[in-house]
Amino acid sequence: MALECTNLERVFKYKDTILSDPNPALSADEVLLFYSNHYPELTTSSIKSEISEEGKMVFTFQTTIGTKG
């Protein structure tokens, strides 16, 4: 049996928003930098990744800035 290589579809999420993949050649960090122009709070965010049940690679941008009070 031969091995078959397939690319996982990438999904980027920020809060409740699904962001499109601007360029499949970009790394997740580069996509984060790309979207930081529209969402400045992403400049201090971290990336969490997981594979969904549908077989998609899901990257979630999580802000690391807390609220005070």
PDB file of N, CA and C in Angstrom:
ATOM      1  N   MET A   1       0.846  -1.162   0.000  1.00  0.00           N
ATOM      2  CA  MET A   1       0.000   0.000   0.000  1.00  0.00           C
ATOM      3  C   MET A   1       0.903   1.240   0.000  1.00  0.00           C
ATOM      4  N   ALA A   2       0.629   2.176  -0.874  1.00  0.00           N
ATOM      5  CA  ALA A   2       1.399   3.412  -0.970  1.00  0.00           C
ATOM      6  C   ALA A   2       0.834   4.448  -0.004  1.00  0.00           C
ATOM      7  N   LEU A   3       1.725   5.279   0.495  1.00  0.00           N
ATOM      8  CA  LEU A   3       1.294   6.372   1.360  1.00  0.00           C
ATOM      9  C   LEU A   3       0.755   7.513   0.518  1.00  0.00           C
ATOM     10  N   GLU A   4      -0.261   8.143   1.016  1.00  0.00           N
ATOM     11  CA  GLU A   4      -0.839   9.288   0.330  1.00  0.00           C
ATOM     12  C   GLU A   4      -0.721  10.503   1.231  1.00  0.00           C
ATOM     13  N   CYS A   5      -0.124  11.578   0.711  1.00  0.00           N
ATOM     14  CA  CYS A   5       0.027  12.813   1.482  1.00  0.00           C
ATOM     15  C   CYS A   5      -1.092  13.777   1.121  1.00  0.00           C
ATOM     16  N   THR A   6      -1.709  14.318   2.125  1.00  0.00           N
ATOM     17  CA  THR A   6      -2.747  15.323   1.903  1.00  0.00           C
ATOM     18  C   THR A   6      -2.469  16.510   2.812  1.00  0.00           C
ATOM     19  N   ASN A   7      -2.866  17.673   2.359  1.00  0.00           N
ATOM     20  CA  ASN A   7      -2.742  18.875   3.175  1.00  0.00           C
ATOM     21  C   ASN A   7      -4.021  19.076   3.961  1.00  0.00           C
ATOM     22  N   LEU A   8      -3.867  19.432   5.223  1.00  0.00           N
ATOM     23  CA  LEU A   8      -5.036  19.739   6.038  1.00  0.00           C
ATOM     24  C   LEU A   8      -5.507  21.150   5.728  1.00  0.00           C
ATOM     25  N   GLU A   9      -6.800  21.327   5.666  1.00  0.00           N
ATOM     26  CA  GLU A   9      -7.348  22.671   5.519  1.00  0.00           C
ATOM     27  C   GLU A   9      -7.089  23.424   6.815  1.00  0.00           C
ATOM     28  N   ARG A  10      -6.628  24.663   6.698  1.00  0.00           N
ATOM     29  CA  ARG A  10      -6.333  25.464   7.883  1.00  0.00           C
ATOM     30  C   ARG A  10      -7.466  26.434   8.149  1.00  0.00           C
ATOM     31  N   VAL A  11      -7.812  26.542   9.428  1.00  0.00           N
ATOM     32  CA  VAL A  11      -8.846  27.475   9.884  1.00  0.00           C
ATOM     33  C   VAL A  11      -8.223  28.317  10.984  1.00  0.00           C
ATOM     34  N   PHE A  12      -8.416  29.620  10.900  1.00  0.00           N
ATOM     35  CA  PHE A  12      -7.901  30.540  11.914  1.00  0.00           C
ATOM     36  C   PHE A  12      -9.073  31.175  12.633  1.00  0.00           C
ATOM     37  N   LYS A  13      -9.014  31.174  13.965  1.00  0.00           N
ATOM     38  CA  LYS A  13     -10.102  31.710  14.773  1.00  0.00           C
ATOM     39  C   LYS A  13      -9.555  32.775  15.713  1.00  0.00           C
ATOM     40  N   TYR A  14     -10.335  33.833  15.861  1.00  0.00           N
ATOM     41  CA  TYR A  14     -10.041  34.851  16.859  1.00  0.00           C
ATOM     42  C   TYR A  14     -11.361  35.244  17.494  1.00  0.00           C
ATOM     43  N   LYS A  15     -11.456  35.026  18.787  1.00  0.00           N
ATOM     44  CA  LYS A  15     -12.710  35.202  19.524  1.00  0.00           C
ATOM     45  C   LYS A  15     -13.783  34.362  18.839  1.00  0.00           C
ATOM     46  N   ASP A  16     -14.865  34.970  18.363  1.00  0.00           N
ATOM     47  CA  ASP A  16     -15.936  34.233  17.687  1.00  0.00           C
ATOM     48  C   ASP A  16     -15.849  34.368  16.170  1.00  0.00           C
ATOM     49  N   THR A  17     -14.716  34.870  15.664  1.00  0.00           N
ATOM     50  CA  THR A  17     -14.571  35.138  14.241  1.00  0.00           C
ATOM     51  C   THR A  17     -13.696  34.085  13.573  1.00  0.00           C
ATOM     52  N   ILE A  18     -14.166  33.575  12.443  1.00  0.00           N
ATOM     53  CA  ILE A  18     -13.375  32.676  11.621  1.00  0.00           C
ATOM     54  C   ILE A  18     -12.657  33.536  10.586  1.00  0.00           C
ATOM     55  N   LEU A  19     -11.340  33.458  10.552  1.00  0.00           N
ATOM     56  CA  LEU A  19     -10.540  34.242   9.617  1.00  0.00           C
ATOM     57  C   LEU A  19     -10.086  33.344   8.475  1.00  0.00           C
ATOM     58  N   SER A  20     -10.130  33.856   7.266  1.00  0.00           N
ATOM     59  CA  SER A  20      -9.711  33.060   6.118  1.00  0.00           C
ATOM     60  C   SER A  20      -8.185  32.938   6.094  1.00  0.00           C
ATOM     61  N   ASP A  21      -7.711  31.921   5.434  1.00  0.00           N
ATOM     62  CA  ASP A  21      -6.274  31.685   5.293  1.00  0.00           C
ATOM     63  C   ASP A  21      -5.770  32.603   4.179  1.00  0.00           C
ATOM     64  N   PRO A  22      -4.979  33.639   4.503  1.00  0.00           N
ATOM     65  CA  PRO A  22      -4.561  34.593   3.476  1.00  0.00           C
ATOM     66  C   PRO A  22      -3.606  33.997   2.445  1.00  0.00           C
ATOM     67  N   ASN A  23      -2.820  33.011   2.858  1.00  0.00           N
ATOM     68  CA  ASN A  23      -1.865  32.386   1.950  1.00  0.00           C
ATOM     69  C   ASN A  23      -1.405  31.079   2.589  1.00  0.00           C
ATOM     70  N   PRO A  24      -1.693  29.933   1.973  1.00  0.00           N
ATOM     71  CA  PRO A  24      -1.298  28.647   2.558  1.00  0.00           C
ATOM     72  C   PRO A  24       0.212  28.490   2.739  1.00  0.00           C
ATOM     73  N   ALA A  25       1.002  29.296   2.043  1.00  0.00           N
ATOM     74  CA  ALA A  25       2.459  29.210   2.171  1.00  0.00           C
ATOM     75  C   ALA A  25       2.968  29.885   3.450  1.00  0.00           C
ATOM     76  N   LEU A  26       2.122  30.689   4.095  1.00  0.00           N
ATOM     77  CA  LEU A  26       2.530  31.388   5.317  1.00  0.00           C
ATOM     78  C   LEU A  26       2.437  30.455   6.522  1.00  0.00           C
ATOM     79  N   SER A  27       3.331  30.649   7.475  1.00  0.00           N
ATOM     80  CA  SER A  27       3.248  29.910   8.727  1.00  0.00           C
ATOM     81  C   SER A  27       2.136  30.520   9.586  1.00  0.00           C
ATOM     82  N   ALA A  28       1.759  29.826  10.638  1.00  0.00           N
ATOM     83  CA  ALA A  28       0.724  30.347  11.537  1.00  0.00           C
ATOM     84  C   ALA A  28       1.165  31.667  12.168  1.00  0.00           C
ATOM     85  N   ASP A  29       2.451  31.790  12.496  1.00  0.00           N
ATOM     86  CA  ASP A  29       2.961  33.042  13.058  1.00  0.00           C
ATOM     87  C   ASP A  29       2.865  34.186  12.050  1.00  0.00           C
ATOM     88  N   GLU A  30       3.121  33.898  10.779  1.00  0.00           N
ATOM     89  CA  GLU A  30       3.023  34.927   9.746  1.00  0.00           C
ATOM     90  C   GLU A  30       1.566  35.341   9.510  1.00  0.00           C
ATOM     91  N   VAL A  31       0.641  34.399   9.631  1.00  0.00           N
ATOM     92  CA  VAL A  31      -0.782  34.726   9.509  1.00  0.00           C
ATOM     93  C   VAL A  31      -1.200  35.614  10.686  1.00  0.00           C
ATOM     94  N   LEU A  32      -0.707  35.304  11.879  1.00  0.00           N
ATOM     95  CA  LEU A  32      -0.981  36.138  13.054  1.00  0.00           C
ATOM     96  C   LEU A  32      -0.492  37.564  12.805  1.00  0.00           C
ATOM     97  N   LEU A  33       0.697  37.699  12.272  1.00  0.00           N
ATOM     98  CA  LEU A  33       1.242  39.020  11.962  1.00  0.00           C
ATOM     99  C   LEU A  33       0.405  39.724  10.894  1.00  0.00           C
ATOM    100  N   PHE A  34      -0.045  38.979   9.888  1.00  0.00           N
ATOM    101  CA  PHE A  34      -0.894  39.536   8.834  1.00  0.00           C
ATOM    102  C   PHE A  34      -2.174  40.127   9.420  1.00  0.00           C
ATOM    103  N   TYR A  35      -2.840  39.383  10.290  1.00  0.00           N
ATOM    104  CA  TYR A  35      -4.110  39.848  10.857  1.00  0.00           C
ATOM    105  C   TYR A  35      -3.926  40.878  11.968  1.00  0.00           C
ATOM    106  N   SER A  36      -2.718  41.058  12.467  1.00  0.00           N
ATOM    107  CA  SER A  36      -2.506  42.068  13.507  1.00  0.00           C
ATOM    108  C   SER A  36      -2.692  43.484  12.961  1.00  0.00           C
ATOM    109  N   ASN A  37      -2.687  43.645  11.629  1.00  0.00           N
ATOM    110  CA  ASN A  37      -2.992  44.954  11.037  1.00  0.00           C
ATOM    111  C   ASN A  37      -4.460  45.310  11.251  1.00  0.00           C
ATOM    112  N   HIS A  38      -5.340  44.319  11.265  1.00  0.00           N
ATOM    113  CA  HIS A  38      -6.768  44.545  11.462  1.00  0.00           C
ATOM    114  C   HIS A  38      -7.179  44.439  12.926  1.00  0.00           C
ATOM    115  N   TYR A  39      -6.462  43.611  13.667  1.00  0.00           N
ATOM    116  CA  TYR A  39      -6.750  43.384  15.086  1.00  0.00           C
ATOM    117  C   TYR A  39      -5.453  43.631  15.874  1.00  0.00           C
ATOM    118  N   PRO A  40      -5.180  44.880  16.278  1.00  0.00           N
ATOM    119  CA  PRO A  40      -3.913  45.209  16.935  1.00  0.00           C
ATOM    120  C   PRO A  40      -3.628  44.397  18.200  1.00  0.00           C
ATOM    121  N   GLU A  41      -4.662  43.912  18.876  1.00  0.00           N
ATOM    122  CA  GLU A  41      -4.451  43.131  20.092  1.00  0.00           C
ATOM    123  C   GLU A  41      -3.782  41.785  19.805  1.00  0.00           C
ATOM    124  N   LEU A  42      -3.736  41.381  18.549  1.00  0.00           N
ATOM    125  CA  LEU A  42      -3.082  40.126  18.191  1.00  0.00           C
ATOM    126  C   LEU A  42      -1.561  40.203  18.311  1.00  0.00           C
ATOM    127  N   THR A  43      -1.008  41.409  18.403  1.00  0.00           N
ATOM    128  CA  THR A  43       0.451  41.536  18.508  1.00  0.00           C
ATOM    129  C   THR A  43       0.981  40.907  19.791  1.00  0.00           C
ATOM    130  N   THR A  44       0.137  40.730  20.789  1.00  0.00           N
ATOM    131  CA  THR A  44       0.559  40.096  22.044  1.00  0.00           C
ATOM    132  C   THR A  44      -0.183  38.779  22.267  1.00  0.00           C
ATOM    133  N   SER A  45      -0.586  38.145  21.191  1.00  0.00           N
ATOM    134  CA  SER A  45      -1.366  36.907  21.291  1.00  0.00           C
ATOM    135  C   SER A  45      -0.491  35.673  21.160  1.00  0.00           C
ATOM    136  N   SER A  46      -1.039  34.573  21.614  1.00  0.00           N
ATOM    137  CA  SER A  46      -0.407  33.274  21.421  1.00  0.00           C
ATOM    138  C   SER A  46      -1.288  32.453  20.482  1.00  0.00           C
ATOM    139  N   ILE A  47      -0.734  31.359  19.983  1.00  0.00           N
ATOM    140  CA  ILE A  47      -1.462  30.513  19.036  1.00  0.00           C
ATOM    141  C   ILE A  47      -1.629  29.125  19.642  1.00  0.00           C
ATOM    142  N   LYS A  48      -2.865  28.658  19.635  1.00  0.00           N
ATOM    143  CA  LYS A  48      -3.178  27.295  20.070  1.00  0.00           C
ATOM    144  C   LYS A  48      -3.632  26.537  18.829  1.00  0.00           C
ATOM    145  N   SER A  49      -3.104  25.332  18.623  1.00  0.00           N
ATOM    146  CA  SER A  49      -3.497  24.574  17.437  1.00  0.00           C
ATOM    147  C   SER A  49      -4.024  23.206  17.828  1.00  0.00           C
ATOM    148  N   GLU A  50      -4.969  22.725  17.010  1.00  0.00           N
ATOM    149  CA  GLU A  50      -5.542  21.403  17.213  1.00  0.00           C
ATOM    150  C   GLU A  50      -6.153  20.933  15.902  1.00  0.00           C
ATOM    151  N   ILE A  51      -6.351  19.639  15.795  1.00  0.00           N
ATOM    152  CA  ILE A  51      -7.018  19.072  14.624  1.00  0.00           C
ATOM    153  C   ILE A  51      -8.463  18.803  15.004  1.00  0.00           C
ATOM    154  N   SER A  52      -9.382  19.351  14.212  1.00  0.00           N
ATOM    155  CA  SER A  52     -10.805  19.197  14.509  1.00  0.00           C
ATOM    156  C   SER A  52     -11.283  17.813  14.095  1.00  0.00           C
ATOM    157  N   GLU A  53     -12.497  17.488  14.507  1.00  0.00           N
ATOM    158  CA  GLU A  53     -13.095  16.208  14.136  1.00  0.00           C
ATOM    159  C   GLU A  53     -13.312  16.096  12.631  1.00  0.00           C
ATOM    160  N   GLU A  54     -13.427  17.238  11.959  1.00  0.00           N
ATOM    161  CA  GLU A  54     -13.617  17.245  10.508  1.00  0.00           C
ATOM    162  C   GLU A  54     -12.301  17.082   9.763  1.00  0.00           C
ATOM    163  N   GLY A  55     -11.191  16.990  10.479  1.00  0.00           N
ATOM    164  CA  GLY A  55      -9.886  16.831   9.856  1.00  0.00           C
ATOM    165  C   GLY A  55      -9.259  18.143   9.411  1.00  0.00           C
ATOM    166  N   LYS A  56      -9.670  19.247  10.023  1.00  0.00           N
ATOM    167  CA  LYS A  56      -9.099  20.556   9.708  1.00  0.00           C
ATOM    168  C   LYS A  56      -8.122  20.951  10.802  1.00  0.00           C
ATOM    169  N   MET A  57      -7.071  21.659  10.418  1.00  0.00           N
ATOM    170  CA  MET A  57      -6.118  22.186  11.381  1.00  0.00           C
ATOM    171  C   MET A  57      -6.639  23.543  11.838  1.00  0.00           C
ATOM    172  N   VAL A  58      -6.992  23.650  13.113  1.00  0.00           N
ATOM    173  CA  VAL A  58      -7.596  24.873  13.661  1.00  0.00           C
ATOM    174  C   VAL A  58      -6.559  25.599  14.515  1.00  0.00           C
ATOM    175  N   PHE A  59      -6.280  26.835  14.140  1.00  0.00           N
ATOM    176  CA  PHE A  59      -5.382  27.696  14.901  1.00  0.00           C
ATOM    177  C   PHE A  59      -6.233  28.753  15.587  1.00  0.00           C
ATOM    178  N   THR A  60      -6.121  28.849  16.898  1.00  0.00           N
ATOM    179  CA  THR A  60      -6.882  29.826  17.667  1.00  0.00           C
ATOM    180  C   THR A  60      -5.924  30.871  18.209  1.00  0.00           C
ATOM    181  N   PHE A  61      -6.198  32.133  17.906  1.00  0.00           N
ATOM    182  CA  PHE A  61      -5.396  33.241  18.417  1.00  0.00           C
ATOM    183  C   PHE A  61      -5.978  33.663  19.760  1.00  0.00           C
ATOM    184  N   GLN A  62      -5.170  33.590  20.804  1.00  0.00           N
ATOM    185  CA  GLN A  62      -5.624  33.932  22.156  1.00  0.00           C
ATOM    186  C   GLN A  62      -4.815  35.118  22.663  1.00  0.00           C
ATOM    187  N   THR A  63      -5.517  36.177  23.046  1.00  0.00           N
ATOM    188  CA  THR A  63      -4.814  37.336  23.578  1.00  0.00           C
ATOM    189  C   THR A  63      -4.285  37.028  24.962  1.00  0.00           C
ATOM    190  N   THR A  64      -3.125  37.575  25.264  1.00  0.00           N
ATOM    191  CA  THR A  64      -2.502  37.327  26.559  1.00  0.00           C
ATOM    192  C   THR A  64      -2.630  38.527  27.488  1.00  0.00           C
ATOM    193  N   ILE A  65      -3.271  39.587  27.010  1.00  0.00           N
ATOM    194  CA  ILE A  65      -3.469  40.762  27.848  1.00  0.00           C
ATOM    195  C   ILE A  65      -4.698  40.534  28.720  1.00  0.00           C
ATOM    196  N   GLY A  66      -4.541  40.674  30.002  1.00  0.00           N
ATOM    197  CA  GLY A  66      -5.653  40.499  30.925  1.00  0.00           C
ATOM    198  C   GLY A  66      -6.335  41.829  31.214  1.00  0.00           C
ATOM    199  N   THR A  67      -7.397  41.756  31.948  1.00  0.00           N
ATOM    200  CA  THR A  67      -8.080  42.974  32.367  1.00  0.00           C
ATOM    201  C   THR A  67      -7.781  43.202  33.825  1.00  0.00           C
ATOM    202  N   LYS A  68      -7.744  44.436  34.191  1.00  0.00           N
ATOM    203  CA  LYS A  68      -7.422  44.799  35.565  1.00  0.00           C
ATOM    204  C   LYS A  68      -8.687  45.273  36.264  1.00  0.00           C
ATOM    205  N   GLY A  69      -8.852  44.832  37.496  1.00  0.00           N
ATOM    206  CA  GLY A  69      -9.994  45.370  38.220  1.00  0.00           C
ATOM    207  C   GLY A  69     -10.821  44.416  38.915  1.00  0.00           C
TER     208      GLY A  69
END
